[in-house]
């Protein structure tokens, strides 16, 4: 057990955000590796996710435990840099970014920290090229897979009414996630005669159905197409596990990702993955274990939900024609695709484990402090 250091982790924990998902994985990994972790949870104004009982109990214990004054304390500020506030104790910023350049104001905010933890080789390169001077440490992502698999009662009921081959996409309904590109490719490639469908798990209101219908009309697609299902429900970890396991392939054509946790979720379950060939997910996905989609870099447009997107940044826009071809290829050559899925599963479950991620952080902390952490 750690005798000299206590790590205080600040961030979202119990909600549906990607930051909360990552916090749970990393904090549990550190705790399991013997690091003394104190969790300071942000209380986000959003619904809590239903977690396995053993995970929730450990996280609650880490949230109510006390800070130990006799130990050396290090803070990890796991959020966007706009929320970072350096402590009297050493402070590490841990964040994610999705374009070729971080927001200008983040450079100053990052350089106020003692060091940064970053989740991918892509982010390491982008932050350094953007002018961040403090030490950067690459901390790989990881996933805790529930010990018990989802039961039949966790399988979303709508799946039984869909065609047997189900493409799955999971992500927010924002431009960066590339749902517009995915829908265009799917509608243009697959008709009602094809035994396929597309399931999109996202968070949005019921008016999304109308927005999607309008998008289809604006694209000039008036012919019948293969079924699309928009899953707008809040899902527990077990329900998400069941959803992944009852789909045949995963598609993620985001314009940029710091990590791409949904792709890691798909990889650990062995699903064939079609994904944009640029972003943090290329740490665990490549041409041998997935289907990278060719892309071109295009200028980033301002986004209404966050003012850090700038016109001097670039992100990756995948080729719709190439995406159509790859989706058709996976559906028609599933034995080959399944083999690639198994290769991705082997990489994800051997290299992107809680133990490996904890060791990344322990080594970084030891390097910073000059002494063993555990």
Protein backbone atom coordinates (compact mmCIF):
# COMPACT_ATOMS: atom_id res chain seq x y z
CA UNK A 1 0.00 0.00 0.00
CA UNK A 2 1.01 3.61 -0.57
CA UNK A 3 2.58 4.99 2.62
CA UNK A 4 3.81 8.43 1.64
CA UNK A 5 1.47 9.83 -1.00
CA UNK A 6 -2.23 10.50 -1.36
CA UNK A 7 -3.66 11.24 -4.79
CA UNK A 8 -6.70 13.54 -4.77
CA UNK A 9 -8.71 13.08 -7.98
CA UNK A 10 -11.19 15.82 -8.91
CA UNK A 11 -13.77 15.34 -11.65
CA UNK A 12 -17.15 14.06 -12.77
CA UNK A 13 -17.78 10.51 -11.55
CA UNK A 14 -21.34 9.23 -11.60
CA UNK A 15 -22.89 10.68 -14.78
CA UNK A 16 -22.97 9.67 -18.45
CA UNK A 17 -20.18 11.95 -19.69
CA UNK A 18 -16.95 10.69 -21.17
CA UNK A 19 -15.00 12.41 -18.40
CA UNK A 20 -17.02 10.55 -15.75
CA UNK A 21 -16.52 7.26 -17.58
CA UNK A 22 -12.76 7.81 -17.67
CA UNK A 23 -12.62 8.89 -14.01
CA UNK A 24 -14.29 5.66 -12.93
CA UNK A 25 -11.84 3.54 -14.93
CA UNK A 26 -8.71 5.33 -13.75
CA UNK A 27 -9.65 5.74 -10.08
CA UNK A 28 -10.68 2.11 -9.74
CA UNK A 29 -7.44 1.06 -11.47
CA UNK A 30 -5.32 3.12 -9.07
CA UNK A 31 -7.21 1.82 -6.03
CA UNK A 32 -6.78 -1.78 -7.18
CA UNK A 33 -3.04 -1.15 -7.59
CA UNK A 34 -2.61 0.03 -4.00
CA UNK A 35 -2.50 3.78 -4.54
CA UNK A 36 -4.16 5.88 -1.82
CA UNK A 37 -6.82 7.75 -3.83
CA UNK A 38 -9.21 10.34 -2.46
CA UNK A 39 -12.05 11.14 -4.87
CA UNK A 40 -13.55 14.64 -5.00
CA UNK A 41 -16.59 14.25 -7.22
CA UNK A 42 -18.11 17.10 -9.19
CA UNK A 43 -21.87 17.08 -8.78
CA UNK A 44 -23.07 17.51 -12.33
CA UNK A 45 -26.68 18.52 -12.97
CA UNK A 46 -27.41 15.40 -15.00
CA UNK A 47 -28.75 11.90 -14.36
CA UNK A 48 -26.52 9.34 -12.69
CA UNK A 49 -25.63 6.16 -14.51
CA UNK A 50 -26.53 2.79 -13.01
CA UNK A 51 -23.24 1.08 -12.09
CA UNK A 52 -22.35 -2.41 -10.88
CA UNK A 53 -22.81 -2.51 -7.11
CA UNK A 54 -19.16 -3.29 -6.33
CA UNK A 55 -17.93 -0.35 -8.44
CA UNK A 56 -20.39 2.08 -6.87
CA UNK A 57 -19.44 0.97 -3.35
CA UNK A 58 -15.72 1.46 -3.96
CA UNK A 59 -16.22 4.85 -5.62
CA UNK A 60 -18.48 6.01 -2.78
CA UNK A 61 -15.88 4.90 -0.23
CA UNK A 62 -13.16 6.84 -2.06
CA UNK A 63 -15.42 9.90 -2.20
CA UNK A 64 -16.15 10.02 1.55
CA UNK A 65 -12.67 9.11 2.81
CA UNK A 66 -10.63 11.88 4.39
CA UNK A 67 -7.54 13.63 3.17
CA UNK A 68 -4.52 12.58 5.22
CA UNK A 69 -2.45 15.57 6.32
CA UNK A 70 0.63 13.50 7.09
CA UNK A 71 0.91 12.29 3.50
CA UNK A 72 2.31 14.12 0.54
CA UNK A 73 -0.66 15.19 -1.55
CA UNK A 74 -0.91 15.43 -5.33
CA UNK A 75 -4.02 16.61 -7.16
CA UNK A 76 -5.28 15.31 -10.51
CA UNK A 77 -7.69 17.82 -12.09
CA UNK A 78 -9.66 15.69 -14.55
CA UNK A 79 -11.68 18.16 -16.61
CA UNK A 80 -11.32 20.76 -19.32
CA UNK A 81 -8.50 23.23 -18.51
CA UNK A 82 -11.02 26.07 -18.13
CA UNK A 83 -11.94 24.49 -14.78
CA UNK A 84 -8.40 23.91 -13.51
CA UNK A 85 -7.29 25.80 -10.43
CA UNK A 86 -3.78 25.03 -9.28
CA UNK A 87 -3.54 23.96 -5.65
CA UNK A 88 -0.86 24.63 -3.06
CA UNK A 89 0.06 20.99 -3.58
CA UNK A 90 1.44 19.69 -6.91
CA UNK A 91 -1.32 19.72 -9.52
CA UNK A 92 -1.66 17.56 -12.64
CA UNK A 93 -4.12 18.48 -15.37
CA UNK A 94 -5.77 15.56 -17.15
CA UNK A 95 -7.79 16.37 -20.25
CA UNK A 96 -8.60 15.38 -23.84
CA UNK A 97 -8.73 17.20 -27.16
CA UNK A 98 -9.99 16.43 -30.64
CA UNK A 99 -8.45 18.77 -33.24
CA UNK A 100 -4.99 19.57 -34.59
CA UNK A 101 -4.45 22.42 -32.10
CA UNK A 102 -5.72 23.09 -28.58
CA UNK A 103 -7.65 26.31 -27.79
CA UNK A 104 -5.30 29.27 -27.39
CA UNK A 105 -6.32 29.92 -23.78
CA UNK A 106 -5.60 26.30 -22.85
CA UNK A 107 -1.88 26.78 -23.48
CA UNK A 108 -1.57 29.23 -20.58
CA UNK A 109 -3.87 27.15 -18.38
CA UNK A 110 -1.87 23.99 -19.08
CA UNK A 111 1.45 25.67 -18.37
CA UNK A 112 0.20 26.64 -14.88
CA UNK A 113 0.12 22.96 -13.93
CA UNK A 114 3.08 20.94 -12.67
CA UNK A 115 2.44 18.37 -15.40
CA UNK A 116 -0.27 17.00 -17.69
CA UNK A 117 -1.66 13.51 -18.11
CA UNK A 118 -2.81 12.90 -21.69
CA UNK A 119 -4.64 9.81 -23.02
CA UNK A 120 -3.12 9.22 -26.45
CA UNK A 121 -0.09 9.69 -28.65
CA UNK A 122 -2.24 12.01 -30.77
CA UNK A 123 -2.89 14.30 -27.80
CA UNK A 124 0.77 14.22 -26.73
CA UNK A 125 1.76 15.53 -30.16
CA UNK A 126 -1.03 18.12 -30.37
CA UNK A 127 -0.44 19.62 -26.91
CA UNK A 128 3.32 19.88 -27.39
CA UNK A 129 2.94 21.41 -30.86
CA UNK A 130 0.43 23.91 -29.44
CA UNK A 131 3.03 25.32 -27.02
CA UNK A 132 2.56 23.39 -23.78
CA UNK A 133 5.94 23.32 -22.00
CA UNK A 134 5.28 21.42 -18.76
CA UNK A 135 6.03 17.67 -18.59
CA UNK A 136 3.52 15.51 -20.47
CA UNK A 137 2.80 11.92 -19.48
CA UNK A 138 0.98 9.47 -21.74
CA UNK A 139 -1.67 7.59 -19.72
CA UNK A 140 -3.40 4.92 -21.78
CA UNK A 141 -7.19 4.49 -21.50
CA UNK A 142 -8.64 1.39 -19.90
CA UNK A 143 -11.96 -0.31 -19.19
CA UNK A 144 -13.37 -2.33 -16.32
CA UNK A 145 -15.60 -4.97 -17.85
CA UNK A 146 -18.39 -6.10 -15.49
CA UNK A 147 -17.60 -9.46 -13.91
CA UNK A 148 -21.08 -10.67 -14.75
CA UNK A 149 -22.27 -10.38 -18.33
CA UNK A 150 -25.55 -8.70 -19.09
CA UNK A 151 -28.57 -10.97 -18.91
CA UNK A 152 -31.31 -11.37 -21.49
CA UNK A 153 -33.47 -8.88 -19.56
CA UNK A 154 -30.85 -6.19 -20.20
CA UNK A 155 -31.12 -6.49 -24.00
CA UNK A 156 -33.05 -3.50 -25.40
CA UNK A 157 -36.37 -4.87 -26.62
CA UNK A 158 -36.37 -3.04 -29.94
CA UNK A 159 -33.45 -5.12 -31.23
CA UNK A 160 -35.65 -8.17 -31.82
CA UNK A 161 -37.64 -6.23 -34.42
CA UNK A 162 -34.60 -5.14 -36.42
CA UNK A 163 -32.77 -6.95 -39.25
CA UNK A 164 -30.15 -9.52 -38.22
CA UNK A 165 -27.08 -7.46 -39.17
CA UNK A 166 -26.87 -4.40 -36.94
CA UNK A 167 -24.33 -1.63 -37.32
CA UNK A 168 -23.96 0.24 -34.03
CA UNK A 169 -22.81 3.82 -33.44
CA UNK A 170 -22.54 5.47 -30.01
CA UNK A 171 -21.92 9.16 -29.45
CA UNK A 172 -23.25 12.65 -28.82
CA UNK A 173 -25.30 14.35 -31.51
CA UNK A 174 -22.76 17.04 -32.34
CA UNK A 175 -20.92 17.80 -35.57
CA UNK A 176 -17.63 16.41 -34.27
CA UNK A 177 -19.09 12.91 -33.93
CA UNK A 178 -19.78 12.71 -37.67
CA UNK A 179 -23.30 11.30 -37.48
CA UNK A 180 -24.14 13.32 -40.61
CA UNK A 181 -21.44 11.49 -42.57
CA UNK A 182 -22.52 8.12 -41.21
CA UNK A 183 -26.18 8.65 -42.07
CA UNK A 184 -25.38 9.85 -45.58
CA UNK A 185 -23.23 6.77 -46.23
CA UNK A 186 -25.78 4.38 -44.73
CA UNK A 187 -28.77 5.83 -46.58
CA UNK A 188 -26.94 5.88 -49.89
CA UNK A 189 -25.54 2.36 -49.57
CA UNK A 190 -28.29 0.21 -48.05
CA UNK A 191 -31.88 -0.30 -49.16
CA UNK A 192 -34.82 -2.20 -47.66
CA UNK A 193 -33.72 -5.33 -49.52
CA UNK A 194 -30.50 -5.47 -47.47
CA UNK A 195 -30.74 -7.45 -44.19
CA UNK A 196 -28.98 -4.66 -42.27
CA UNK A 197 -29.87 -1.74 -40.03
CA UNK A 198 -28.12 1.07 -38.20
CA UNK A 199 -28.60 1.65 -34.47
CA UNK A 200 -27.43 5.01 -33.13
CA UNK A 201 -27.21 5.30 -29.34
CA UNK A 202 -27.14 8.98 -28.50
CA UNK A 203 -28.42 11.54 -26.02
CA UNK A 204 -31.04 13.88 -27.44
CA UNK A 205 -34.69 14.84 -27.17
CA UNK A 206 -37.52 13.28 -29.18
CA UNK A 207 -37.31 16.10 -31.73
CA UNK A 208 -34.17 14.40 -33.06
CA UNK A 209 -36.39 12.16 -35.20
CA UNK A 210 -37.70 15.23 -37.00
CA UNK A 211 -34.18 16.63 -37.41
CA UNK A 212 -32.99 13.36 -38.95
CA UNK A 213 -35.93 13.28 -41.36
CA UNK A 214 -35.11 16.84 -42.39
CA UNK A 215 -31.45 15.90 -42.88
CA UNK A 216 -32.48 13.02 -45.12
CA UNK A 217 -34.64 15.31 -47.22
CA UNK A 218 -31.91 17.95 -47.51
CA UNK A 219 -29.50 15.27 -48.74
CA UNK A 220 -31.95 14.48 -51.53
CA UNK A 221 -32.52 10.93 -50.34
CA UNK A 222 -36.13 10.11 -51.18
CA UNK A 223 -35.82 6.42 -52.03
CA UNK A 224 -36.54 3.69 -49.43
CA UNK A 225 -33.56 2.89 -47.20
CA UNK A 226 -32.54 0.23 -44.70
CA UNK A 227 -33.92 0.73 -41.17
CA UNK A 228 -32.44 3.28 -38.78
CA UNK A 229 -33.12 3.14 -35.04
CA UNK A 230 -32.32 6.05 -32.72
CA UNK A 231 -31.87 4.86 -29.14
CA UNK A 232 -32.43 7.92 -26.95
CA UNK A 233 -32.86 6.14 -23.61
CA UNK A 234 -30.49 6.42 -20.65
CA UNK A 235 -28.85 3.00 -20.44
CA UNK A 236 -27.15 1.25 -17.53
CA UNK A 237 -23.71 -0.31 -17.90
CA UNK A 238 -25.39 -3.73 -18.29
CA UNK A 239 -27.77 -2.47 -20.96
CA UNK A 240 -24.89 -0.95 -22.89
CA UNK A 241 -22.97 -4.21 -22.59
CA UNK A 242 -25.98 -6.06 -24.00
CA UNK A 243 -26.36 -3.53 -26.82
CA UNK A 244 -22.74 -3.94 -27.88
CA UNK A 245 -22.95 -7.73 -27.74
CA UNK A 246 -26.15 -7.89 -29.81
CA UNK A 247 -24.79 -5.83 -32.71
CA UNK A 248 -22.53 -7.17 -35.44
CA UNK A 249 -20.24 -4.22 -36.20
CA UNK A 250 -19.34 -0.82 -34.79
CA UNK A 251 -19.00 2.38 -36.82
CA UNK A 252 -17.44 5.59 -35.51
CA UNK A 253 -16.57 8.26 -38.05
CA UNK A 254 -15.90 11.12 -35.68
CA UNK A 255 -13.97 14.13 -36.96
CA UNK A 256 -11.71 13.92 -33.92
CA UNK A 257 -11.27 11.98 -30.67
CA UNK A 258 -8.96 12.28 -27.70
CA UNK A 259 -9.54 8.59 -26.97
CA UNK A 260 -12.81 7.30 -28.37
CA UNK A 261 -14.07 5.20 -25.46
CA UNK A 262 -17.00 3.72 -27.43
CA UNK A 263 -14.46 2.21 -29.83
CA UNK A 264 -12.53 0.71 -26.92
CA UNK A 265 -15.84 -0.67 -25.62
CA UNK A 266 -16.44 -2.29 -29.00
CA UNK A 267 -12.88 -3.60 -29.21
CA UNK A 268 -12.92 -5.37 -25.84
CA UNK A 269 -16.07 -7.18 -27.01
CA UNK A 270 -14.54 -8.22 -30.32
CA UNK A 271 -16.80 -6.25 -32.66
CA UNK A 272 -15.44 -5.40 -36.11
CA UNK A 273 -14.81 -1.64 -36.10
CA UNK A 274 -14.97 0.91 -38.91
CA UNK A 275 -13.45 4.21 -37.78
CA UNK A 276 -11.91 7.42 -39.07
CA UNK A 277 -8.18 6.87 -39.59
CA UNK A 278 -7.11 9.77 -37.34
CA UNK A 279 -7.46 10.44 -33.62
CA UNK A 280 -6.59 9.06 -30.20
CA UNK A 281 -8.19 5.71 -31.01
CA UNK A 282 -5.38 4.91 -33.45
CA UNK A 283 -3.38 3.90 -30.37
CA UNK A 284 -5.43 0.69 -30.31
CA UNK A 285 -6.96 0.52 -33.80
CA UNK A 286 -5.03 0.05 -37.04
CA UNK A 287 -5.42 -1.47 -40.50
CA UNK A 288 -4.75 -4.97 -39.16
CA UNK A 289 -7.44 -5.03 -36.47
CA UNK A 290 -10.04 -2.60 -37.86
CA UNK A 291 -11.17 -0.76 -40.98
CA UNK A 292 -9.72 2.79 -41.00
CA UNK A 293 -11.69 5.20 -43.18
CA UNK A 294 -9.63 7.54 -45.39
CA UNK A 295 -10.07 11.21 -44.50
CA UNK A 296 -9.04 14.73 -45.35
CA UNK A 297 -8.21 17.50 -42.88
CA UNK A 298 -10.69 20.38 -43.02
CA UNK A 299 -10.93 23.62 -41.00
CA UNK A 300 -12.99 23.40 -37.84
CA UNK A 301 -16.20 25.39 -37.75
CA UNK A 302 -17.21 27.32 -34.61
CA UNK A 303 -19.48 25.22 -32.39
CA UNK A 304 -22.34 26.70 -30.36
CA UNK A 305 -21.77 24.46 -27.32
CA UNK A 306 -18.08 25.29 -26.75
CA UNK A 307 -16.06 28.33 -27.78
CA UNK A 308 -12.70 26.54 -27.84
CA UNK A 309 -13.12 25.46 -31.45
CA UNK A 310 -11.16 27.87 -33.66
CA UNK A 311 -10.80 28.44 -37.39
CA UNK A 312 -7.04 27.77 -37.24
CA UNK A 313 -7.71 24.20 -36.09
CA UNK A 314 -8.19 21.17 -38.33
CA UNK A 315 -10.08 17.94 -37.87
CA UNK A 316 -10.57 14.83 -39.99
CA UNK A 317 -13.55 14.40 -42.31
CA UNK A 318 -13.90 10.87 -43.59
CA UNK A 319 -14.67 9.95 -47.18
CA UNK A 320 -18.36 9.06 -47.48
CA UNK A 321 -17.66 6.92 -50.57
CA UNK A 322 -14.96 4.98 -48.72
CA UNK A 323 -17.26 4.59 -45.71
CA UNK A 324 -20.02 3.20 -47.91
CA UNK A 325 -17.61 0.70 -49.41
CA UNK A 326 -16.26 -0.42 -46.03
CA UNK A 327 -19.71 -0.84 -44.49
CA UNK A 328 -20.78 -2.95 -47.47
CA UNK A 329 -17.55 -4.96 -47.28
CA UNK A 330 -18.00 -5.74 -43.58
CA UNK A 331 -21.62 -6.80 -44.09
CA UNK A 332 -20.71 -9.02 -47.06
CA UNK A 333 -17.44 -10.44 -45.66
CA UNK A 334 -18.25 -10.99 -42.03
CA UNK A 335 -15.84 -13.86 -41.45
CA UNK A 336 -12.93 -11.59 -42.33
CA UNK A 337 -14.41 -8.73 -40.31
CA UNK A 338 -14.94 -10.93 -37.26
CA UNK A 339 -11.29 -12.02 -37.42
CA UNK A 340 -10.21 -8.37 -37.34
CA UNK A 341 -12.51 -7.85 -34.38
CA UNK A 342 -10.74 -10.63 -32.51
CA UNK A 343 -7.36 -9.01 -33.20
CA UNK A 344 -8.69 -5.73 -31.79
CA UNK A 345 -10.02 -7.59 -28.77
CA UNK A 346 -6.63 -9.16 -28.11
CA UNK A 347 -4.93 -5.74 -28.22
CA UNK A 348 -7.55 -4.06 -26.05
CA UNK A 349 -7.68 -6.75 -23.39
CA UNK A 350 -3.91 -7.14 -23.10
CA UNK A 351 -2.58 -3.59 -23.52
CA UNK A 352 -5.43 -1.31 -22.39
CA UNK A 353 -6.25 -2.87 -19.04
CA UNK A 354 -6.75 -1.17 -15.67
CA UNK A 355 -3.45 -2.63 -14.49
CA UNK A 356 -1.51 -1.18 -17.43
CA UNK A 357 -3.17 2.24 -17.06
CA UNK A 358 -2.45 2.29 -13.33
CA UNK A 359 1.19 1.48 -14.01
CA UNK A 360 1.38 4.41 -16.45
CA UNK A 361 0.17 6.74 -13.70
CA UNK A 362 2.33 5.19 -10.98
CA UNK A 363 5.45 5.55 -13.14
CA UNK A 364 4.55 9.17 -13.94
CA UNK A 365 3.96 10.00 -10.28
CA UNK A 366 7.21 8.31 -9.26
CA UNK A 367 9.06 10.33 -11.90
CA UNK A 368 7.48 13.56 -10.63
CA UNK A 369 8.14 12.89 -6.94
CA UNK A 370 11.45 11.09 -7.24
CA UNK A 371 10.23 8.30 -4.97
CA UNK A 372 8.13 5.11 -5.21
CA UNK A 373 4.36 5.59 -5.07
CA UNK A 374 3.46 2.07 -3.94
